[in-house]
Amino acid sequence: MGCKAQTANPLTIHNFSLDEMYEENYSLQQIYRIFKQLDKNWKALEPKKIHILEEIYDFLEENYYKCYVCGDYFKDHAFVDENATRQECYSCFTETDFY
């Protein structure tokens, strides 16, 4: 039901729910967009929003990889080495300009 409501009303900081995030009712792109909005002005955030920012950060770190090249979060792909200390998203991995 949460997904239907989200298509009618775009996800914003004001209607973002940690419970919905933990129940995986948001896409990675939606979560990351909210994270970037909060992180952009983190020094001016009220305590409740700082808590949300910290929770989102922890959720992203625990459930997704972070590309060391571009900084975006991503789910794994065929070339992810779980034993490596650094990971690249598929776009950066297949980009040959870095070599």
PDB file of N, CA and C in Angstrom:
ATOM      1  N   MET A   1       0.825  -1.187   0.000  1.00  0.00           N
ATOM      2  CA  MET A   1       0.000   0.000   0.000  1.00  0.00           C
ATOM      3  C   MET A   1       0.869   1.249   0.000  1.00  0.00           C
ATOM      4  N   GLY A   2       2.041   1.199   0.649  1.00  0.00           N
ATOM      5  CA  GLY A   2       2.900   2.359   0.706  1.00  0.00           C
ATOM      6  C   GLY A   2       3.361   2.816  -0.661  1.00  0.00           C
ATOM      7  N   CYS A   3       3.594   1.883  -1.569  1.00  0.00           N
ATOM      8  CA  CYS A   3       4.062   2.248  -2.898  1.00  0.00           C
ATOM      9  C   CYS A   3       3.006   3.018  -3.685  1.00  0.00           C
ATOM     10  N   LYS A   4       1.740   2.663  -3.546  1.00  0.00           N
ATOM     11  CA  LYS A   4       0.690   3.381  -4.266  1.00  0.00           C
ATOM     12  C   LYS A   4       0.605   4.823  -3.794  1.00  0.00           C
ATOM     13  N   ALA A   5       0.730   5.024  -2.498  1.00  0.00           N
ATOM     14  CA  ALA A   5       0.672   6.381  -1.965  1.00  0.00           C
ATOM     15  C   ALA A   5       1.864   7.200  -2.449  1.00  0.00           C
ATOM     16  N   GLN A   6       3.004   6.556  -2.613  1.00  0.00           N
ATOM     17  CA  GLN A   6       4.197   7.269  -3.025  1.00  0.00           C
ATOM     18  C   GLN A   6       4.123   7.729  -4.473  1.00  0.00           C
ATOM     19  N   THR A   7       3.423   6.983  -5.317  1.00  0.00           N
ATOM     20  CA  THR A   7       3.335   7.414  -6.700  1.00  0.00           C
ATOM     21  C   THR A   7       2.438   8.641  -6.821  1.00  0.00           C
ATOM     22  N   ALA A   8       1.432   8.754  -5.949  1.00  0.00           N
ATOM     23  CA  ALA A   8       0.551   9.919  -5.983  1.00  0.00           C
ATOM     24  C   ALA A   8       1.244  11.125  -5.351  1.00  0.00           C
ATOM     25  N   ASN A   9       1.977  10.905  -4.275  1.00  0.00           N
ATOM     26  CA  ASN A   9       2.685  11.973  -3.577  1.00  0.00           C
ATOM     27  C   ASN A   9       4.176  11.663  -3.595  1.00  0.00           C
ATOM     28  N   PRO A  10       4.987  12.482  -4.254  1.00  0.00           N
ATOM     29  CA  PRO A  10       6.422  12.215  -4.284  1.00  0.00           C
ATOM     30  C   PRO A  10       7.013  12.183  -2.869  1.00  0.00           C
ATOM     31  N   LEU A  11       7.997  11.339  -2.689  1.00  0.00           N
ATOM     32  CA  LEU A  11       8.648  11.217  -1.400  1.00  0.00           C
ATOM     33  C   LEU A  11       9.475  12.466  -1.111  1.00  0.00           C
ATOM     34  N   THR A  12       9.257  13.048   0.056  1.00  0.00           N
ATOM     35  CA  THR A  12      10.003  14.221   0.496  1.00  0.00           C
ATOM     36  C   THR A  12      10.520  13.970   1.905  1.00  0.00           C
ATOM     37  N   ILE A  13      11.327  14.877   2.387  1.00  0.00           N
ATOM     38  CA  ILE A  13      11.815  14.783   3.757  1.00  0.00           C
ATOM     39  C   ILE A  13      10.651  14.801   4.738  1.00  0.00           C
ATOM     40  N   HIS A  14       9.596  15.529   4.395  1.00  0.00           N
ATOM     41  CA  HIS A  14       8.462  15.687   5.303  1.00  0.00           C
ATOM     42  C   HIS A  14       7.594  14.443   5.421  1.00  0.00           C
ATOM     43  N   ASN A  15       7.511  13.636   4.362  1.00  0.00           N
ATOM     44  CA  ASN A  15       6.688  12.435   4.456  1.00  0.00           C
ATOM     45  C   ASN A  15       7.521  11.147   4.485  1.00  0.00           C
ATOM     46  N   PHE A  16       8.836  11.273   4.635  1.00  0.00           N
ATOM     47  CA  PHE A  16       9.722  10.122   4.734  1.00  0.00           C
ATOM     48  C   PHE A  16       9.500   9.420   6.068  1.00  0.00           C
ATOM     49  N   SER A  17       9.476   8.099   6.041  1.00  0.00           N
ATOM     50  CA  SER A  17       9.256   7.305   7.247  1.00  0.00           C
ATOM     51  C   SER A  17      10.367   6.269   7.393  1.00  0.00           C
ATOM     52  N   LEU A  18      11.031   6.267   8.553  1.00  0.00           N
ATOM     53  CA  LEU A  18      12.054   5.257   8.807  1.00  0.00           C
ATOM     54  C   LEU A  18      11.442   3.860   8.782  1.00  0.00           C
ATOM     55  N   ASP A  19      10.239   3.718   9.328  1.00  0.00           N
ATOM     56  CA  ASP A  19       9.570   2.411   9.319  1.00  0.00           C
ATOM     57  C   ASP A  19       9.377   1.902   7.900  1.00  0.00           C
ATOM     58  N   GLU A  20       8.940   2.773   7.004  1.00  0.00           N
ATOM     59  CA  GLU A  20       8.757   2.388   5.604  1.00  0.00           C
ATOM     60  C   GLU A  20      10.095   2.006   4.971  1.00  0.00           C
ATOM     61  N   MET A  21      11.151   2.719   5.341  1.00  0.00           N
ATOM     62  CA  MET A  21      12.478   2.403   4.816  1.00  0.00           C
ATOM     63  C   MET A  21      12.902   1.015   5.281  1.00  0.00           C
ATOM     64  N   TYR A  22      12.755   0.738   6.586  1.00  0.00           N
ATOM     65  CA  TYR A  22      13.156  -0.564   7.115  1.00  0.00           C
ATOM     66  C   TYR A  22      12.308  -1.708   6.561  1.00  0.00           C
ATOM     67  N   GLU A  23      11.077  -1.419   6.186  1.00  0.00           N
ATOM     68  CA  GLU A  23      10.216  -2.434   5.575  1.00  0.00           C
ATOM     69  C   GLU A  23      10.475  -2.563   4.076  1.00  0.00           C
ATOM     70  N   GLU A  24      11.457  -1.813   3.595  1.00  0.00           N
ATOM     71  CA  GLU A  24      11.894  -1.824   2.198  1.00  0.00           C
ATOM     72  C   GLU A  24      10.796  -1.413   1.232  1.00  0.00           C
ATOM     73  N   ASN A  25      10.026  -0.407   1.631  1.00  0.00           N
ATOM     74  CA  ASN A  25       8.979   0.135   0.762  1.00  0.00           C
ATOM     75  C   ASN A  25       9.478   1.285  -0.108  1.00  0.00           C
ATOM     76  N   TYR A  26      10.735   1.673   0.067  1.00  0.00           N
ATOM     77  CA  TYR A  26      11.336   2.726  -0.748  1.00  0.00           C
ATOM     78  C   TYR A  26      12.439   2.110  -1.596  1.00  0.00           C
ATOM     79  N   SER A  27      12.658   2.671  -2.763  1.00  0.00           N
ATOM     80  CA  SER A  27      13.773   2.226  -3.599  1.00  0.00           C
ATOM     81  C   SER A  27      15.068   2.838  -3.078  1.00  0.00           C
ATOM     82  N   LEU A  28      16.172   2.271  -3.498  1.00  0.00           N
ATOM     83  CA  LEU A  28      17.477   2.818  -3.146  1.00  0.00           C
ATOM     84  C   LEU A  28      17.591   4.261  -3.611  1.00  0.00           C
ATOM     85  N   GLN A  29      17.093   4.560  -4.799  1.00  0.00           N
ATOM     86  CA  GLN A  29      17.172   5.925  -5.323  1.00  0.00           C
ATOM     87  C   GLN A  29      16.391   6.900  -4.442  1.00  0.00           C
ATOM     88  N   GLN A  30      15.220   6.500  -3.978  1.00  0.00           N
ATOM     89  CA  GLN A  30      14.423   7.369  -3.109  1.00  0.00           C
ATOM     90  C   GLN A  30      15.148   7.628  -1.794  1.00  0.00           C
ATOM     91  N   ILE A  31      15.674   6.577  -1.196  1.00  0.00           N
ATOM     92  CA  ILE A  31      16.377   6.720   0.080  1.00  0.00           C
ATOM     93  C   ILE A  31      17.610   7.598  -0.091  1.00  0.00           C
ATOM     94  N   TYR A  32      18.368   7.347  -1.141  1.00  0.00           N
ATOM     95  CA  TYR A  32      19.600   8.103  -1.361  1.00  0.00           C
ATOM     96  C   TYR A  32      19.308   9.567  -1.648  1.00  0.00           C
ATOM     97  N   ARG A  33      18.217   9.856  -2.364  1.00  0.00           N
ATOM     98  CA  ARG A  33      17.839  11.251  -2.630  1.00  0.00           C
ATOM     99  C   ARG A  33      17.530  11.979  -1.317  1.00  0.00           C
ATOM    100  N   ILE A  34      16.779  11.361  -0.423  1.00  0.00           N
ATOM    101  CA  ILE A  34      16.475  11.965   0.874  1.00  0.00           C
ATOM    102  C   ILE A  34      17.764  12.135   1.680  1.00  0.00           C
ATOM    103  N   PHE A  35      18.622  11.120   1.652  1.00  0.00           N
ATOM    104  CA  PHE A  35      19.898  11.196   2.361  1.00  0.00           C
ATOM    105  C   PHE A  35      20.718  12.391   1.883  1.00  0.00           C
ATOM    106  N   LYS A  36      20.820  12.565   0.565  1.00  0.00           N
ATOM    107  CA  LYS A  36      21.604  13.676   0.023  1.00  0.00           C
ATOM    108  C   LYS A  36      21.007  15.025   0.403  1.00  0.00           C
ATOM    109  N   GLN A  37      19.676  15.118   0.425  1.00  0.00           N
ATOM    110  CA  GLN A  37      19.030  16.373   0.813  1.00  0.00           C
ATOM    111  C   GLN A  37      19.345  16.710   2.269  1.00  0.00           C
ATOM    112  N   LEU A  38      19.268  15.720   3.133  1.00  0.00           N
ATOM    113  CA  LEU A  38      19.565  15.956   4.546  1.00  0.00           C
ATOM    114  C   LEU A  38      21.057  16.227   4.761  1.00  0.00           C
ATOM    115  N   ASP A  39      21.894  15.454   4.111  1.00  0.00           N
ATOM    116  CA  ASP A  39      23.339  15.577   4.290  1.00  0.00           C
ATOM    117  C   ASP A  39      23.868  16.915   3.789  1.00  0.00           C
ATOM    118  N   LYS A  40      23.219  17.455   2.781  1.00  0.00           N
ATOM    119  CA  LYS A  40      23.647  18.729   2.186  1.00  0.00           C
ATOM    120  C   LYS A  40      23.643  19.865   3.216  1.00  0.00           C
ATOM    121  N   ASN A  41      22.667  19.875   4.090  1.00  0.00           N
ATOM    122  CA  ASN A  41      22.543  20.937   5.095  1.00  0.00           C
ATOM    123  C   ASN A  41      22.567  20.380   6.514  1.00  0.00           C
ATOM    124  N   TRP A  42      23.391  19.387   6.759  1.00  0.00           N
ATOM    125  CA  TRP A  42      23.359  18.696   8.049  1.00  0.00           C
ATOM    126  C   TRP A  42      23.650  19.609   9.239  1.00  0.00           C
ATOM    127  N   LYS A  43      24.431  20.656   9.061  1.00  0.00           N
ATOM    128  CA  LYS A  43      24.760  21.547  10.183  1.00  0.00           C
ATOM    129  C   LYS A  43      23.550  22.332  10.669  1.00  0.00           C
ATOM    130  N   ALA A  44      22.573  22.542   9.804  1.00  0.00           N
ATOM    131  CA  ALA A  44      21.394  23.341  10.165  1.00  0.00           C
ATOM    132  C   ALA A  44      20.181  22.477  10.538  1.00  0.00           C
ATOM    133  N   LEU A  45      20.368  21.162  10.584  1.00  0.00           N
ATOM    134  CA  LEU A  45      19.229  20.283  10.859  1.00  0.00           C
ATOM    135  C   LEU A  45      18.833  20.299  12.331  1.00  0.00           C
ATOM    136  N   GLU A  46      17.548  20.140  12.560  1.00  0.00           N
ATOM    137  CA  GLU A  46      17.050  19.978  13.931  1.00  0.00           C
ATOM    138  C   GLU A  46      17.374  18.549  14.376  1.00  0.00           C
ATOM    139  N   PRO A  47      17.400  18.296  15.685  1.00  0.00           N
ATOM    140  CA  PRO A  47      17.795  16.972  16.198  1.00  0.00           C
ATOM    141  C   PRO A  47      17.021  15.794  15.594  1.00  0.00           C
ATOM    142  N   LYS A  48      15.727  15.949  15.362  1.00  0.00           N
ATOM    143  CA  LYS A  48      14.935  14.851  14.785  1.00  0.00           C
ATOM    144  C   LYS A  48      15.440  14.501  13.390  1.00  0.00           C
ATOM    145  N   LYS A  49      15.762  15.515  12.599  1.00  0.00           N
ATOM    146  CA  LYS A  49      16.251  15.277  11.241  1.00  0.00           C
ATOM    147  C   LYS A  49      17.669  14.702  11.255  1.00  0.00           C
ATOM    148  N   ILE A  50      18.470  15.101  12.233  1.00  0.00           N
ATOM    149  CA  ILE A  50      19.812  14.524  12.368  1.00  0.00           C
ATOM    150  C   ILE A  50      19.707  13.035  12.663  1.00  0.00           C
ATOM    151  N   HIS A  51      18.761  12.666  13.518  1.00  0.00           N
ATOM    152  CA  HIS A  51      18.536  11.255  13.830  1.00  0.00           C
ATOM    153  C   HIS A  51      18.141  10.487  12.557  1.00  0.00           C
ATOM    154  N   ILE A  52      17.270  11.056  11.756  1.00  0.00           N
ATOM    155  CA  ILE A  52      16.850  10.412  10.502  1.00  0.00           C
ATOM    156  C   ILE A  52      18.047  10.260   9.569  1.00  0.00           C
ATOM    157  N   LEU A  53      18.866  11.304   9.461  1.00  0.00           N
ATOM    158  CA  LEU A  53      20.070  11.243   8.628  1.00  0.00           C
ATOM    159  C   LEU A  53      20.987  10.111   9.088  1.00  0.00           C
ATOM    160  N   GLU A  54      21.203  10.001  10.386  1.00  0.00           N
ATOM    161  CA  GLU A  54      22.068   8.946  10.919  1.00  0.00           C
ATOM    162  C   GLU A  54      21.483   7.561  10.656  1.00  0.00           C
ATOM    163  N   GLU A  55      20.181   7.413  10.808  1.00  0.00           N
ATOM    164  CA  GLU A  55      19.525   6.128  10.558  1.00  0.00           C
ATOM    165  C   GLU A  55      19.634   5.741   9.086  1.00  0.00           C
ATOM    166  N   ILE A  56      19.433   6.700   8.204  1.00  0.00           N
ATOM    167  CA  ILE A  56      19.551   6.411   6.770  1.00  0.00           C
ATOM    168  C   ILE A  56      20.980   6.022   6.430  1.00  0.00           C
ATOM    169  N   TYR A  57      21.943   6.754   6.975  1.00  0.00           N
ATOM    170  CA  TYR A  57      23.356   6.441   6.726  1.00  0.00           C
ATOM    171  C   TYR A  57      23.663   5.003   7.154  1.00  0.00           C
ATOM    172  N   ASP A  58      23.250   4.641   8.359  1.00  0.00           N
ATOM    173  CA  ASP A  58      23.490   3.286   8.856  1.00  0.00           C
ATOM    174  C   ASP A  58      22.819   2.245   7.974  1.00  0.00           C
ATOM    175  N   PHE A  59      21.586   2.525   7.556  1.00  0.00           N
ATOM    176  CA  PHE A  59      20.851   1.603   6.688  1.00  0.00           C
ATOM    177  C   PHE A  59      21.582   1.403   5.365  1.00  0.00           C
ATOM    178  N   LEU A  60      22.042   2.483   4.763  1.00  0.00           N
ATOM    179  CA  LEU A  60      22.764   2.391   3.493  1.00  0.00           C
ATOM    180  C   LEU A  60      24.067   1.602   3.659  1.00  0.00           C
ATOM    181  N   GLU A  61      24.799   1.900   4.715  1.00  0.00           N
ATOM    182  CA  GLU A  61      26.077   1.223   4.947  1.00  0.00           C
ATOM    183  C   GLU A  61      25.902  -0.270   5.198  1.00  0.00           C
ATOM    184  N   GLU A  62      24.818  -0.651   5.850  1.00  0.00           N
ATOM    185  CA  GLU A  62      24.590  -2.060   6.188  1.00  0.00           C
ATOM    186  C   GLU A  62      23.985  -2.858   5.045  1.00  0.00           C
ATOM    187  N   ASN A  63      23.283  -2.203   4.128  1.00  0.00           N
ATOM    188  CA  ASN A  63      22.530  -2.936   3.116  1.00  0.00           C
ATOM    189  C   ASN A  63      23.015  -2.763   1.685  1.00  0.00           C
ATOM    190  N   TYR A  64      23.916  -1.838   1.456  1.00  0.00           N
ATOM    191  CA  TYR A  64      24.372  -1.564   0.096  1.00  0.00           C
ATOM    192  C   TYR A  64      25.878  -1.363   0.088  1.00  0.00           C
ATOM    193  N   TYR A  65      26.457  -1.460  -1.100  1.00  0.00           N
ATOM    194  CA  TYR A  65      27.862  -1.123  -1.292  1.00  0.00           C
ATOM    195  C   TYR A  65      27.958   0.352  -1.638  1.00  0.00           C
ATOM    196  N   LYS A  66      29.098   0.949  -1.310  1.00  0.00           N
ATOM    197  CA  LYS A  66      29.344   2.337  -1.694  1.00  0.00           C
ATOM    198  C   LYS A  66      30.521   2.356  -2.653  1.00  0.00           C
ATOM    199  N   CYS A  67      30.296   2.963  -3.803  1.00  0.00           N
ATOM    200  CA  CYS A  67      31.339   3.034  -4.829  1.00  0.00           C
ATOM    201  C   CYS A  67      32.442   3.993  -4.370  1.00  0.00           C
ATOM    202  N   TYR A  68      33.678   3.515  -4.383  1.00  0.00           N
ATOM    203  CA  TYR A  68      34.779   4.382  -3.951  1.00  0.00           C
ATOM    204  C   TYR A  68      35.147   5.406  -5.021  1.00  0.00           C
ATOM    205  N   VAL A  69      34.669   5.233  -6.255  1.00  0.00           N
ATOM    206  CA  VAL A  69      34.976   6.170  -7.324  1.00  0.00           C
ATOM    207  C   VAL A  69      34.002   7.345  -7.323  1.00  0.00           C
ATOM    208  N   CYS A  70      32.688   7.039  -7.388  1.00  0.00           N
ATOM    209  CA  CYS A  70      31.702   8.117  -7.511  1.00  0.00           C
ATOM    210  C   CYS A  70      30.952   8.408  -6.211  1.00  0.00           C
ATOM    211  N   GLY A  71      31.028   7.499  -5.232  1.00  0.00           N
ATOM    212  CA  GLY A  71      30.386   7.727  -3.940  1.00  0.00           C
ATOM    213  C   GLY A  71      28.936   7.301  -3.861  1.00  0.00           C
ATOM    214  N   ASP A  72      28.361   6.800  -4.946  1.00  0.00           N
ATOM    215  CA  ASP A  72      26.968   6.361  -4.928  1.00  0.00           C
ATOM    216  C   ASP A  72      26.849   4.985  -4.284  1.00  0.00           C
ATOM    217  N   TYR A  73      25.685   4.731  -3.727  1.00  0.00           N
ATOM    218  CA  TYR A  73      25.391   3.413  -3.169  1.00  0.00           C
ATOM    219  C   TYR A  73      24.764   2.550  -4.251  1.00  0.00           C
ATOM    220  N   PHE A  74      24.992   1.236  -4.177  1.00  0.00           N
ATOM    221  CA  PHE A  74      24.451   0.324  -5.174  1.00  0.00           C
ATOM    222  C   PHE A  74      24.301  -1.071  -4.581  1.00  0.00           C
ATOM    223  N   LYS A  75      23.424  -1.865  -5.218  1.00  0.00           N
ATOM    224  CA  LYS A  75      23.327  -3.283  -4.881  1.00  0.00           C
ATOM    225  C   LYS A  75      24.441  -3.979  -5.627  1.00  0.00           C
ATOM    226  N   ASP A  76      24.744  -5.195  -5.221  1.00  0.00           N
ATOM    227  CA  ASP A  76      25.868  -5.852  -5.879  1.00  0.00           C
ATOM    228  C   ASP A  76      25.562  -6.184  -7.339  1.00  0.00           C
ATOM    229  N   HIS A  77      26.619  -6.415  -8.085  1.00  0.00           N
ATOM    230  CA  HIS A  77      26.534  -6.826  -9.478  1.00  0.00           C
ATOM    231  C   HIS A  77      27.509  -7.974  -9.667  1.00  0.00           C
ATOM    232  N   ALA A  78      27.566  -8.526 -10.827  1.00  0.00           N
ATOM    233  CA  ALA A  78      28.344  -9.740 -11.078  1.00  0.00           C
ATOM    234  C   ALA A  78      29.830  -9.586 -10.768  1.00  0.00           C
ATOM    235  N   PHE A  79      30.342  -8.363 -10.767  1.00  0.00           N
ATOM    236  CA  PHE A  79      31.773  -8.159 -10.595  1.00  0.00           C
ATOM    237  C   PHE A  79      32.162  -7.665  -9.201  1.00  0.00           C
ATOM    238  N   VAL A  80      31.228  -7.670  -8.265  1.00  0.00           N
ATOM    239  CA  VAL A  80      31.543  -7.261  -6.898  1.00  0.00           C
ATOM    240  C   VAL A  80      32.340  -8.370  -6.232  1.00  0.00           C
ATOM    241  N   ASP A  81      33.458  -7.993  -5.643  1.00  0.00           N
ATOM    242  CA  ASP A  81      34.274  -8.934  -4.871  1.00  0.00           C
ATOM    243  C   ASP A  81      34.012  -8.652  -3.402  1.00  0.00           C
ATOM    244  N   GLU A  82      33.278  -9.535  -2.745  1.00  0.00           N
ATOM    245  CA  GLU A  82      32.906  -9.307  -1.344  1.00  0.00           C
ATOM    246  C   GLU A  82      34.117  -9.282  -0.417  1.00  0.00           C
ATOM    247  N   ASN A  83      35.247  -9.801  -0.866  1.00  0.00           N
ATOM    248  CA  ASN A  83      36.454  -9.800  -0.041  1.00  0.00           C
ATOM    249  C   ASN A  83      37.280  -8.522  -0.219  1.00  0.00           C
ATOM    250  N   ALA A  84      36.937  -7.721  -1.196  1.00  0.00           N
ATOM    251  CA  ALA A  84      37.678  -6.478  -1.456  1.00  0.00           C
ATOM    252  C   ALA A  84      37.293  -5.414  -0.421  1.00  0.00           C
ATOM    253  N   THR A  85      38.220  -4.522  -0.138  1.00  0.00           N
ATOM    254  CA  THR A  85      37.937  -3.445   0.809  1.00  0.00           C
ATOM    255  C   THR A  85      37.257  -2.269   0.138  1.00  0.00           C
ATOM    256  N   ARG A  86      37.407  -2.136  -1.168  1.00  0.00           N
ATOM    257  CA  ARG A  86      36.754  -1.063  -1.919  1.00  0.00           C
ATOM    258  C   ARG A  86      35.916  -1.680  -3.026  1.00  0.00           C
ATOM    259  N   GLN A  87      34.792  -1.041  -3.322  1.00  0.00           N
ATOM    260  CA  GLN A  87      33.896  -1.542  -4.358  1.00  0.00           C
ATOM    261  C   GLN A  87      33.634  -0.451  -5.390  1.00  0.00           C
ATOM    262  N   GLU A  88      33.349  -0.872  -6.604  1.00  0.00           N
ATOM    263  CA  GLU A  88      32.967   0.047  -7.663  1.00  0.00           C
ATOM    264  C   GLU A  88      31.568  -0.315  -8.152  1.00  0.00           C
ATOM    265  N   CYS A  89      30.734   0.709  -8.392  1.00  0.00           N
ATOM    266  CA  CYS A  89      29.439   0.440  -9.010  1.00  0.00           C
ATOM    267  C   CYS A  89      29.690  -0.040 -10.436  1.00  0.00           C
ATOM    268  N   TYR A  90      28.687  -0.606 -11.045  1.00  0.00           N
ATOM    269  CA  TYR A  90      28.860  -1.169 -12.384  1.00  0.00           C
ATOM    270  C   TYR A  90      29.274  -0.099 -13.393  1.00  0.00           C
ATOM    271  N   SER A  91      28.703   1.103 -13.278  1.00  0.00           N
ATOM    272  CA  SER A  91      29.056   2.180 -14.212  1.00  0.00           C
ATOM    273  C   SER A  91      30.538   2.525 -14.134  1.00  0.00           C
ATOM    274  N   CYS A  92      31.046   2.680 -12.926  1.00  0.00           N
ATOM    275  CA  CYS A  92      32.469   3.013 -12.760  1.00  0.00           C
ATOM    276  C   CYS A  92      33.355   1.823 -13.123  1.00  0.00           C
ATOM    277  N   PHE A  93      32.891   0.618 -12.805  1.00  0.00           N
ATOM    278  CA  PHE A  93      33.656  -0.584 -13.116  1.00  0.00           C
ATOM    279  C   PHE A  93      33.850  -0.750 -14.615  1.00  0.00           C
ATOM    280  N   THR A  94      32.820  -0.420 -15.393  1.00  0.00           N
ATOM    281  CA  THR A  94      32.905  -0.605 -16.840  1.00  0.00           C
ATOM    282  C   THR A  94      33.451   0.615 -17.563  1.00  0.00           C
ATOM    283  N   GLU A  95      33.675   1.713 -16.850  1.00  0.00           N
ATOM    284  CA  GLU A  95      34.235   2.931 -17.446  1.00  0.00           C
ATOM    285  C   GLU A  95      35.732   2.739 -17.616  1.00  0.00           C
ATOM    286  N   THR A  96      36.225   2.834 -18.831  1.00  0.00           N
ATOM    287  CA  THR A  96      37.647   2.583 -19.106  1.00  0.00           C
ATOM    288  C   THR A  96      38.494   3.847 -19.017  1.00  0.00           C
ATOM    289  N   ASP A  97      37.894   5.006 -18.843  1.00  0.00           N
ATOM    290  CA  ASP A  97      38.664   6.259 -18.795  1.00  0.00           C
ATOM    291  C   ASP A  97      39.546   6.352 -17.562  1.00  0.00           C
ATOM    292  N   PHE A  98      39.305   5.551 -16.541  1.00  0.00           N
ATOM    293  CA  PHE A  98      40.082   5.637 -15.309  1.00  0.00           C
ATOM    294  C   PHE A  98      41.411   4.906 -15.410  1.00  0.00           C
ATOM    295  N   TYR A  99      41.612   4.160 -16.469  1.00  0.00           N
ATOM    296  CA  TYR A  99      42.825   3.340 -16.560  1.00  0.00           C
ATOM    297  C   TYR A  99      43.780   3.858 -17.588  1.00  0.00           C
TER     298      TYR A  99
END
